[in-house]
Amino acid sequence: MKLIINTDGLSKGNPGTAAIGGTIKDERGKILATISKRIGITTNNVAEYQALIAALQKAIKLGGTRVEIRADSELMIRQLNGRYKIRSAGLRPLYLEVGKLLGQFEAVSLKHIPRELNTEADKLANDSLK
């Protein structure tokens, strides 16, 4: 089963109060699960990775075998695609965790999308800070 995952992480201040949001949909666009929670004080980039980790864990529980990941974090997507190096020691363990989770799927697609195409995930992250 193919799942479409949109994720977003944010930090009010960098570092600051952080939250994650995400949607998991089937191929027809039906929402199967959402993520919306505070994650404490951290950076925006850590929040982006934590949002993806939470979504991948949920996708595995839903029985997904293929995933298309869409995120507006150019840094995270390019790191995962091997185009950017991981320079931050704080991101390395999160990057490795994502790699382990991605290894559980038959097929993976990683796409950087503009922020305006990621409004559902962004709203879920922001709503958890209200």
Protein backbone atom coordinates (compact mmCIF):
# COMPACT_ATOMS: atom_id res chain seq x y z
CA MET A 1 0.00 0.00 0.00
CA LYS A 2 1.36 3.39 -1.01
CA LEU A 3 1.10 6.24 1.48
CA ILE A 4 1.60 9.97 0.89
CA ILE A 5 3.27 11.69 3.84
CA ASN A 6 3.45 15.46 4.35
CA THR A 7 5.44 16.69 7.34
CA ASP A 8 6.44 19.98 8.90
CA GLY A 9 8.40 20.97 11.95
CA LEU A 10 8.66 24.42 13.45
CA SER A 11 10.40 26.27 16.20
CA LYS A 12 9.26 29.62 17.63
CA GLY A 13 12.76 30.97 18.07
CA ASN A 14 15.68 28.88 16.91
CA PRO A 15 16.02 27.10 19.25
CA GLY A 16 12.67 27.67 20.82
CA THR A 17 9.32 26.06 21.56
CA ALA A 18 8.93 23.47 18.84
CA ALA A 19 6.16 21.37 17.33
CA ILE A 20 5.58 18.82 14.59
CA GLY A 21 2.73 18.21 12.20
CA GLY A 22 1.95 15.78 9.45
CA THR A 23 -0.60 13.95 7.40
CA ILE A 24 -0.61 10.42 6.07
CA LYS A 25 -2.93 9.83 3.12
CA ASP A 26 -3.74 6.99 0.80
CA GLU A 27 -3.25 7.36 -2.95
CA ARG A 28 -6.76 8.79 -3.36
CA GLY A 29 -6.01 11.57 -0.88
CA LYS A 30 -8.01 10.20 2.05
CA ILE A 31 -6.40 11.16 5.37
CA LEU A 32 -5.54 8.00 7.31
CA ALA A 33 -3.68 9.68 10.19
CA THR A 34 -2.44 13.04 11.42
CA ILE A 35 0.34 14.17 13.74
CA SER A 36 0.19 17.35 15.82
CA LYS A 37 2.24 17.76 18.98
CA ARG A 38 4.69 19.91 20.90
CA ILE A 39 8.17 18.47 21.21
CA GLY A 40 9.78 20.86 23.71
CA ILE A 41 12.63 23.28 23.04
CA THR A 42 14.70 22.58 19.94
CA THR A 43 15.69 23.92 16.53
CA ASN A 44 13.59 24.07 13.40
CA ASN A 45 15.76 21.46 11.65
CA VAL A 46 15.47 18.99 14.53
CA ALA A 47 11.69 19.51 14.51
CA GLU A 48 11.58 18.77 10.76
CA TYR A 49 13.37 15.44 11.30
CA GLN A 50 11.24 14.55 14.32
CA ALA A 51 8.07 15.19 12.30
CA LEU A 52 9.28 12.80 9.62
CA ILE A 53 10.27 10.14 12.16
CA ALA A 54 6.83 10.29 13.81
CA ALA A 55 5.09 10.05 10.42
CA LEU A 56 7.22 7.12 9.26
CA GLN A 57 6.55 5.24 12.50
CA LYS A 58 2.82 5.78 12.00
CA ALA A 59 3.03 4.76 8.32
CA ILE A 60 4.68 1.47 9.32
CA LYS A 61 1.88 0.80 11.83
CA LEU A 62 -0.67 1.50 9.09
CA GLY A 63 0.92 -1.19 6.94
CA GLY A 64 2.43 1.07 4.30
CA THR A 65 4.86 -0.62 1.92
CA ARG A 66 5.68 2.37 -0.27
CA VAL A 67 5.90 6.02 0.78
CA GLU A 68 6.04 9.35 -0.96
CA ILE A 69 7.41 11.93 1.44
CA ARG A 70 6.71 15.59 0.85
CA ALA A 71 8.26 18.29 3.04
CA ASP A 72 9.09 21.96 2.71
CA SER A 73 12.47 21.54 4.42
CA GLU A 74 14.94 21.71 1.57
CA LEU A 75 17.80 20.93 3.97
CA MET A 76 16.23 17.71 5.26
CA ILE A 77 15.15 16.42 1.84
CA ARG A 78 18.53 17.17 0.28
CA GLN A 79 20.36 15.53 3.19
CA LEU A 80 18.20 12.42 2.84
CA ASN A 81 18.77 12.38 -0.93
CA GLY A 82 22.53 12.60 -0.35
CA ARG A 83 22.88 16.01 -1.99
CA TYR A 84 23.83 17.82 1.25
CA LYS A 85 26.19 16.62 3.96
CA ILE A 86 25.02 16.42 7.56
CA ARG A 87 27.15 19.09 9.23
CA SER A 88 25.20 19.31 12.50
CA ALA A 89 26.09 16.68 15.10
CA GLY A 90 22.56 17.08 16.50
CA LEU A 91 20.97 16.04 13.21
CA ARG A 92 23.14 12.96 12.57
CA PRO A 93 21.26 10.58 14.95
CA LEU A 94 17.92 11.76 13.54
CA TYR A 95 19.19 11.26 9.99
CA LEU A 96 20.28 7.72 10.89
CA GLU A 97 16.91 6.98 12.50
CA VAL A 98 15.09 8.14 9.38
CA GLY A 99 17.37 5.90 7.31
CA LYS A 100 16.45 2.87 9.43
CA LEU A 101 12.75 3.62 9.09
CA LEU A 102 12.97 4.21 5.33
CA GLY A 103 14.69 0.83 5.00
CA GLN A 104 11.44 -0.84 6.10
CA PHE A 105 9.64 0.26 2.92
CA GLU A 106 9.83 -1.37 -0.51
CA ALA A 107 9.95 2.01 -2.26
CA VAL A 108 10.59 5.57 -1.09
CA SER A 109 10.21 8.90 -2.85
CA LEU A 110 11.46 12.14 -1.24
CA LYS A 111 10.16 15.45 -2.57
CA HIS A 112 10.88 19.02 -1.54
CA ILE A 113 7.69 21.04 -1.97
CA PRO A 114 7.01 24.76 -1.56
CA ARG A 115 5.61 25.84 1.79
CA GLU A 116 2.30 26.83 0.18
CA LEU A 117 1.76 23.18 -0.84
CA ASN A 118 2.35 21.99 2.72
CA THR A 119 -0.36 23.94 4.51
CA GLU A 120 -2.08 20.98 6.22
CA ALA A 121 1.10 19.79 7.94
CA ASP A 122 2.07 23.37 8.81
CA LYS A 123 -1.36 24.02 10.36
CA LEU A 124 -1.16 20.84 12.44
CA ALA A 125 2.24 21.87 13.80
CA ASN A 126 1.09 25.43 14.54
CA ASP A 127 -2.18 24.29 16.13
CA SER A 128 -0.29 22.27 18.75
CA LEU A 129 1.37 25.47 20.00
CA LYS A 130 -1.91 27.29 20.66
